[in-house]
């Protein structure tokens, strides 16, 4: 049996779980580099019986799945993976499962969101650059968070964390999502507003929604146009929730204060992407879930799923 572990950027997978506990003769290969093209994905993965995919990094379309003759089990880290065509797996009778991480690491994405908020408002990148170059306060003017308005787009588990952090900083917190009710927001001391009001009133907007057909592009050009010229938008959920061109235009033209982004429309972010050249953006490489014990648990649970599959036992389902 041949097992491929994809997108192991930190090269930790082989030491994170006891792969030697699998049957004798099992080969486990870790791919540290992202495989950029569909043709190359097919070429490199054709020999493997089992593939462990990292969240939504490598895309498994029907074309890719149909071109992998030996594939019998596809395991994805995380609870869901929109990059896998589950119907194609079902048609090919390829088993599909998810490998959960640690529960306490689930707040990490919200912590990254707040790291981005602080980096934007406290001008952390500019201050760091100034200090490294021998400067002091010549180019730095920070902003206070207390008394300002935080808009949370999606008040689920992660959005609730972000709202609580905002309240701790003395901010007024407002929220909206398609199915959110005033009664629900009141449970968290948050004020329910319309989508238009959220974009118009918030000084900082933090996006926390699941990517689906109904939410793709849910932040569009009209929403961004309603933002204050000093307002920031932070996205740690999924890149396609925001209209890429609309955000790029607003940032280039300085129509909003800036953006903090941990997720992108295509990942890894291209080395020549114009976002990398904008001075009103703080960028992190999708590290919301990249927590040491969380990553270790991903691989341990992936191994458990493989063992359950070999034994004909139920595996953790992938949503």
Protein backbone atom coordinates (compact mmCIF):
# COMPACT_ATOMS: atom_id res chain seq x y z
CA UNK A 1 0.00 0.00 0.00
CA UNK A 2 1.27 3.45 -0.95
CA UNK A 3 0.22 6.55 1.00
CA UNK A 4 0.77 10.15 -0.10
CA UNK A 5 0.67 13.04 2.39
CA UNK A 6 0.15 16.30 0.53
CA UNK A 7 1.14 19.90 1.23
CA UNK A 8 3.28 19.09 4.24
CA UNK A 9 4.88 22.54 4.10
CA UNK A 10 6.47 22.32 7.56
CA UNK A 11 7.63 18.73 6.91
CA UNK A 12 6.21 17.47 10.19
CA UNK A 13 3.82 14.75 9.01
CA UNK A 14 6.20 11.79 9.10
CA UNK A 15 7.09 12.47 12.74
CA UNK A 16 3.58 13.47 13.85
CA UNK A 17 2.07 9.95 13.82
CA UNK A 18 3.24 6.35 14.09
CA UNK A 19 3.08 5.41 10.42
CA UNK A 20 5.25 2.36 11.12
CA UNK A 21 2.26 0.83 12.92
CA UNK A 22 0.64 0.23 9.52
CA UNK A 23 1.03 -3.19 7.85
CA UNK A 24 4.49 -4.22 6.73
CA UNK A 25 5.37 -3.01 3.24
CA UNK A 26 3.36 0.20 3.52
CA UNK A 27 5.12 3.15 1.87
CA UNK A 28 4.40 6.67 3.15
CA UNK A 29 5.61 9.67 1.15
CA UNK A 30 5.34 13.30 2.23
CA UNK A 31 5.07 16.06 -0.36
CA UNK A 32 6.53 19.26 1.12
CA UNK A 33 5.86 21.40 -1.94
CA UNK A 34 2.50 22.40 -3.41
CA UNK A 35 1.80 20.67 -6.73
CA UNK A 36 0.61 23.57 -8.91
CA UNK A 37 -0.97 21.98 -11.99
CA UNK A 38 -3.70 19.41 -12.42
CA UNK A 39 -1.57 17.44 -14.87
CA UNK A 40 1.29 17.26 -12.39
CA UNK A 41 -1.08 16.24 -9.56
CA UNK A 42 -2.29 13.33 -11.67
CA UNK A 43 1.24 12.35 -12.71
CA UNK A 44 2.70 12.38 -9.21
CA UNK A 45 -0.25 10.81 -7.38
CA UNK A 46 -1.14 8.07 -9.87
CA UNK A 47 0.75 5.31 -7.96
CA UNK A 48 -0.91 5.91 -4.58
CA UNK A 49 -3.69 3.90 -2.94
CA UNK A 50 -4.32 6.41 -0.14
CA UNK A 51 -4.00 10.19 -0.25
CA UNK A 52 -4.06 12.49 2.77
CA UNK A 53 -5.05 16.00 1.69
CA UNK A 54 -4.40 19.08 3.82
CA UNK A 55 -7.65 21.02 4.18
CA UNK A 56 -8.38 22.87 0.92
CA UNK A 57 -4.92 23.13 -0.59
CA UNK A 58 -4.80 20.63 -3.45
CA UNK A 59 -7.98 20.47 -5.53
CA UNK A 60 -9.51 17.06 -6.30
CA UNK A 61 -11.90 17.63 -9.16
CA UNK A 62 -13.75 14.83 -10.90
CA UNK A 63 -11.11 14.91 -13.65
CA UNK A 64 -8.30 14.36 -11.14
CA UNK A 65 -10.14 11.64 -9.23
CA UNK A 66 -11.00 9.77 -12.44
CA UNK A 67 -7.36 9.91 -13.52
CA UNK A 68 -6.00 8.25 -10.35
CA UNK A 69 -6.36 4.52 -11.08
CA UNK A 70 -5.06 3.21 -7.75
CA UNK A 71 -6.84 5.60 -5.38
CA UNK A 72 -9.05 3.78 -2.87
CA UNK A 73 -9.12 6.15 0.13
CA UNK A 74 -8.98 9.94 0.31
CA UNK A 75 -8.53 11.43 3.79
CA UNK A 76 -8.76 15.17 4.36
CA UNK A 77 -7.65 16.98 7.49
CA UNK A 78 -10.39 19.10 8.99
CA UNK A 79 -14.15 18.65 9.13
CA UNK A 80 -14.87 19.73 5.54
CA UNK A 81 -13.06 20.18 2.25
CA UNK A 82 -14.80 22.01 -0.57
CA UNK A 83 -11.92 21.18 -2.92
CA UNK A 84 -12.88 17.50 -3.13
CA UNK A 85 -15.58 16.32 -5.54
CA UNK A 86 -17.34 13.90 -3.19
CA UNK A 87 -19.75 12.72 -5.90
CA UNK A 88 -16.82 11.64 -8.07
CA UNK A 89 -15.40 9.72 -5.10
CA UNK A 90 -18.75 8.02 -4.57
CA UNK A 91 -19.01 7.13 -8.23
CA UNK A 92 -15.51 5.64 -8.21
CA UNK A 93 -16.22 3.89 -4.90
CA UNK A 94 -13.34 5.76 -3.27
CA UNK A 95 -13.73 5.97 0.50
CA UNK A 96 -13.73 9.52 1.86
CA UNK A 97 -13.07 10.62 5.44
CA UNK A 98 -12.09 13.61 7.57
CA UNK A 99 -9.42 13.89 10.26
CA UNK A 100 -10.28 16.28 13.06
CA UNK A 101 -7.80 18.47 14.90
CA UNK A 102 -7.76 19.50 18.55
CA UNK A 103 -10.82 21.28 19.95
CA UNK A 104 -8.90 23.95 21.84
CA UNK A 105 -7.06 24.93 18.65
CA UNK A 106 -10.34 25.92 17.03
CA UNK A 107 -10.00 29.40 18.54
CA UNK A 108 -6.66 29.91 16.80
CA UNK A 109 -8.26 31.36 13.68
CA UNK A 110 -10.00 34.00 15.80
CA UNK A 111 -6.68 34.77 17.45
CA UNK A 112 -5.10 35.29 14.04
CA UNK A 113 -7.98 37.59 13.12
CA UNK A 114 -7.19 39.68 16.17
CA UNK A 115 -3.49 39.59 15.39
CA UNK A 116 -4.32 41.08 11.99
CA UNK A 117 -6.60 43.71 13.57
CA UNK A 118 -3.85 44.76 15.96
CA UNK A 119 -1.23 44.75 13.21
CA UNK A 120 -3.42 47.06 11.12
CA UNK A 121 -4.48 49.51 13.82
CA UNK A 122 -1.26 49.55 15.81
CA UNK A 123 0.85 49.68 12.64
CA UNK A 124 2.99 46.73 13.71
CA UNK A 125 4.60 46.05 10.29
CA UNK A 126 5.49 49.74 9.84
CA UNK A 127 6.89 49.99 13.37
CA UNK A 128 8.96 46.84 12.90
CA UNK A 129 10.34 48.13 9.60
CA UNK A 130 11.19 51.49 11.15
CA UNK A 131 12.98 49.93 14.10
CA UNK A 132 14.97 47.52 11.91
CA UNK A 133 16.16 50.41 9.76
CA UNK A 134 17.31 52.47 12.73
CA UNK A 135 14.27 54.75 12.83
CA UNK A 136 11.87 55.61 15.63
CA UNK A 137 8.38 57.19 15.41
CA UNK A 138 8.91 59.19 12.22
CA UNK A 139 6.30 57.38 10.13
CA UNK A 140 4.07 55.73 12.73
CA UNK A 141 0.67 56.89 13.98
CA UNK A 142 -1.49 54.24 15.64
CA UNK A 143 -5.21 54.02 16.39
CA UNK A 144 -7.19 53.25 19.54
CA UNK A 145 -9.73 50.43 19.46
CA UNK A 146 -11.75 51.44 22.52
CA UNK A 147 -14.99 53.15 21.54
CA UNK A 148 -14.85 51.99 17.93
CA UNK A 149 -17.25 49.59 16.21
CA UNK A 150 -16.41 46.01 15.31
CA UNK A 151 -18.59 44.40 12.66
CA UNK A 152 -18.68 40.60 12.68
CA UNK A 153 -19.90 38.95 9.50
CA UNK A 154 -21.10 35.59 10.80
CA UNK A 155 -21.60 34.98 14.52
CA UNK A 156 -20.78 31.29 14.65
CA UNK A 157 -18.19 29.74 16.95
CA UNK A 158 -15.25 31.74 15.58
CA UNK A 159 -17.25 34.92 15.17
CA UNK A 160 -18.30 34.67 18.81
CA UNK A 161 -14.65 34.53 19.90
CA UNK A 162 -13.86 37.62 17.83
CA UNK A 163 -16.88 39.46 19.27
CA UNK A 164 -15.76 38.68 22.84
CA UNK A 165 -12.24 39.90 22.12
CA UNK A 166 -13.69 43.12 20.68
CA UNK A 167 -15.76 43.67 23.79
CA UNK A 168 -12.66 43.14 25.93
CA UNK A 169 -11.01 45.97 24.00
CA UNK A 170 -13.96 48.23 24.76
CA UNK A 171 -15.47 48.09 21.30
CA UNK A 172 -19.14 48.18 20.34
CA UNK A 173 -19.88 44.97 18.44
CA UNK A 174 -22.46 44.57 15.67
CA UNK A 175 -23.15 41.47 13.58
CA UNK A 176 -24.97 40.20 10.51
CA UNK A 177 -25.34 37.01 8.53
CA UNK A 178 -28.23 35.73 6.37
CA UNK A 179 -29.87 33.67 9.13
CA UNK A 180 -28.77 35.61 12.20
CA UNK A 181 -31.51 36.91 14.49
CA UNK A 182 -31.59 39.75 17.06
CA UNK A 183 -32.33 37.17 19.76
CA UNK A 184 -29.18 35.24 18.89
CA UNK A 185 -26.92 38.29 18.88
CA UNK A 186 -28.38 39.45 22.19
CA UNK A 187 -27.10 36.25 23.83
CA UNK A 188 -23.56 37.55 23.26
CA UNK A 189 -24.15 41.21 24.00
CA UNK A 190 -23.93 42.00 20.31
CA UNK A 191 -26.27 44.28 18.35
CA UNK A 192 -27.97 42.84 15.28
CA UNK A 193 -27.89 45.09 12.20
CA UNK A 194 -28.58 44.79 8.49
CA UNK A 195 -25.78 43.93 6.11
CA UNK A 196 -25.76 47.47 4.72
CA UNK A 197 -25.55 48.96 8.21
CA UNK A 198 -22.70 46.68 9.22
CA UNK A 199 -20.53 47.80 6.30
CA UNK A 200 -21.46 51.45 6.77
CA UNK A 201 -21.00 51.62 10.56
CA UNK A 202 -18.07 49.31 11.35
CA UNK A 203 -14.54 50.59 11.81
CA UNK A 204 -13.28 47.02 11.52
CA UNK A 205 -15.08 44.17 9.75
CA UNK A 206 -14.09 40.56 10.46
CA UNK A 207 -15.41 37.83 8.15
CA UNK A 208 -16.37 34.46 9.68
CA UNK A 209 -18.54 32.44 7.31
CA UNK A 210 -18.40 29.02 5.70
CA UNK A 211 -17.71 29.08 1.96
CA UNK A 212 -20.61 27.66 -0.03
CA UNK A 213 -22.40 28.45 -3.27
CA UNK A 214 -24.67 30.88 -1.43
CA UNK A 215 -21.83 32.71 0.33
CA UNK A 216 -19.26 32.94 -2.47
CA UNK A 217 -18.72 36.65 -3.09
CA UNK A 218 -21.04 37.59 -0.22
CA UNK A 219 -18.85 40.66 0.28
CA UNK A 220 -19.21 42.46 -3.02
CA UNK A 221 -18.29 45.80 -4.56
CA UNK A 222 -21.42 47.51 -3.19
CA UNK A 223 -20.60 46.34 0.35
CA UNK A 224 -17.00 47.55 0.15
CA UNK A 225 -18.22 50.88 -1.26
CA UNK A 226 -20.27 51.40 1.93
CA UNK A 227 -17.22 51.08 4.17
CA UNK A 228 -15.74 54.13 5.85
CA UNK A 229 -12.55 55.37 4.14
CA UNK A 230 -10.73 54.61 7.41
CA UNK A 231 -12.25 51.14 7.93
CA UNK A 232 -10.42 47.83 7.75
CA UNK A 233 -11.66 44.42 6.61
CA UNK A 234 -10.15 41.18 7.95
CA UNK A 235 -10.68 37.74 6.41
CA UNK A 236 -9.52 34.54 8.10
CA UNK A 237 -12.28 32.31 6.71
CA UNK A 238 -12.03 31.75 2.94
CA UNK A 239 -10.77 34.06 0.22
CA UNK A 240 -13.70 33.69 -2.22
CA UNK A 241 -16.14 35.08 0.37
CA UNK A 242 -14.92 38.50 -0.81
CA UNK A 243 -15.00 39.74 -4.41
CA UNK A 244 -11.29 39.79 -5.20
CA UNK A 245 -11.32 42.52 -7.84
CA UNK A 246 -13.59 44.78 -5.78
CA UNK A 247 -11.28 44.52 -2.76
CA UNK A 248 -8.14 44.99 -4.85
CA UNK A 249 -9.58 48.12 -6.46
CA UNK A 250 -10.58 49.60 -3.09
CA UNK A 251 -7.14 48.92 -1.63
CA UNK A 252 -5.22 50.29 -4.61
CA UNK A 253 -7.35 53.44 -4.69
CA UNK A 254 -7.15 53.83 -0.89
CA UNK A 255 -10.96 53.92 -0.62
CA UNK A 256 -10.74 51.92 2.62
CA UNK A 257 -8.17 51.95 5.39
CA UNK A 258 -6.77 48.53 4.57
CA UNK A 259 -7.18 44.78 4.90
CA UNK A 260 -5.80 41.92 6.96
CA UNK A 261 -5.84 38.64 5.05
CA UNK A 262 -4.96 35.11 6.12
CA UNK A 263 -6.85 33.47 3.24
CA UNK A 264 -6.80 34.04 -0.50
CA UNK A 265 -8.71 33.30 -3.69
CA UNK A 266 -6.03 30.93 -4.89
CA UNK A 267 -3.57 29.33 -2.50
CA UNK A 268 -0.65 29.41 -2.13
CA UNK A 269 -0.75 33.10 -3.04
CA UNK A 270 1.22 33.68 -6.24
CA UNK A 271 4.64 35.18 -5.61
CA UNK A 272 3.87 38.03 -8.01
CA UNK A 273 0.33 38.73 -6.76
CA UNK A 274 -0.27 42.51 -6.51
CA UNK A 275 -1.44 42.13 -2.90
CA UNK A 276 2.18 41.56 -1.93
CA UNK A 277 3.06 45.08 -3.13
CA UNK A 278 0.33 47.02 -1.31
CA UNK A 279 1.30 48.94 1.82
CA UNK A 280 -2.22 48.99 3.31
CA UNK A 281 -2.50 45.20 3.64
CA UNK A 282 -1.21 42.82 6.31
CA UNK A 283 -0.77 39.28 4.98
CA UNK A 284 -0.32 35.93 6.73
CA UNK A 285 -0.04 32.59 4.85
CA UNK A 286 -3.28 30.87 5.99
CA UNK A 287 -1.94 30.09 9.45
CA UNK A 288 -5.26 30.21 11.31
CA UNK A 289 -5.28 26.46 11.87
CA UNK A 290 -1.51 25.86 11.69
CA UNK A 291 -1.01 25.18 15.39
CA UNK A 292 1.56 22.59 16.53
CA UNK A 293 -0.72 20.25 18.47
CA UNK A 294 -3.55 20.76 15.98
CA UNK A 295 -1.39 19.63 13.07
CA UNK A 296 -0.16 16.63 15.05
CA UNK A 297 -3.75 15.63 15.81
CA UNK A 298 -4.66 15.95 12.12
CA UNK A 299 -2.08 13.33 11.20
CA UNK A 300 -2.82 11.06 14.15
CA UNK A 301 -6.50 11.00 13.23
CA UNK A 302 -5.68 10.49 9.55
CA UNK A 303 -3.70 7.40 10.58
CA UNK A 304 -6.64 6.16 12.69
CA UNK A 305 -8.96 6.54 9.71
CA UNK A 306 -6.61 4.52 7.52
CA UNK A 307 -6.53 1.74 10.12
CA UNK A 308 -10.32 1.78 10.44
CA UNK A 309 -10.62 1.59 6.65
CA UNK A 310 -8.26 -1.38 6.49
CA UNK A 311 -10.30 -3.11 9.20
CA UNK A 312 -13.61 -2.35 7.49
CA UNK A 313 -14.67 -0.14 10.40
CA UNK A 314 -16.51 3.21 10.26
CA UNK A 315 -14.37 6.30 9.67
CA UNK A 316 -14.91 9.95 10.58
CA UNK A 317 -17.07 11.40 7.78
CA UNK A 318 -16.05 14.44 5.75
CA UNK A 319 -18.72 17.13 5.40
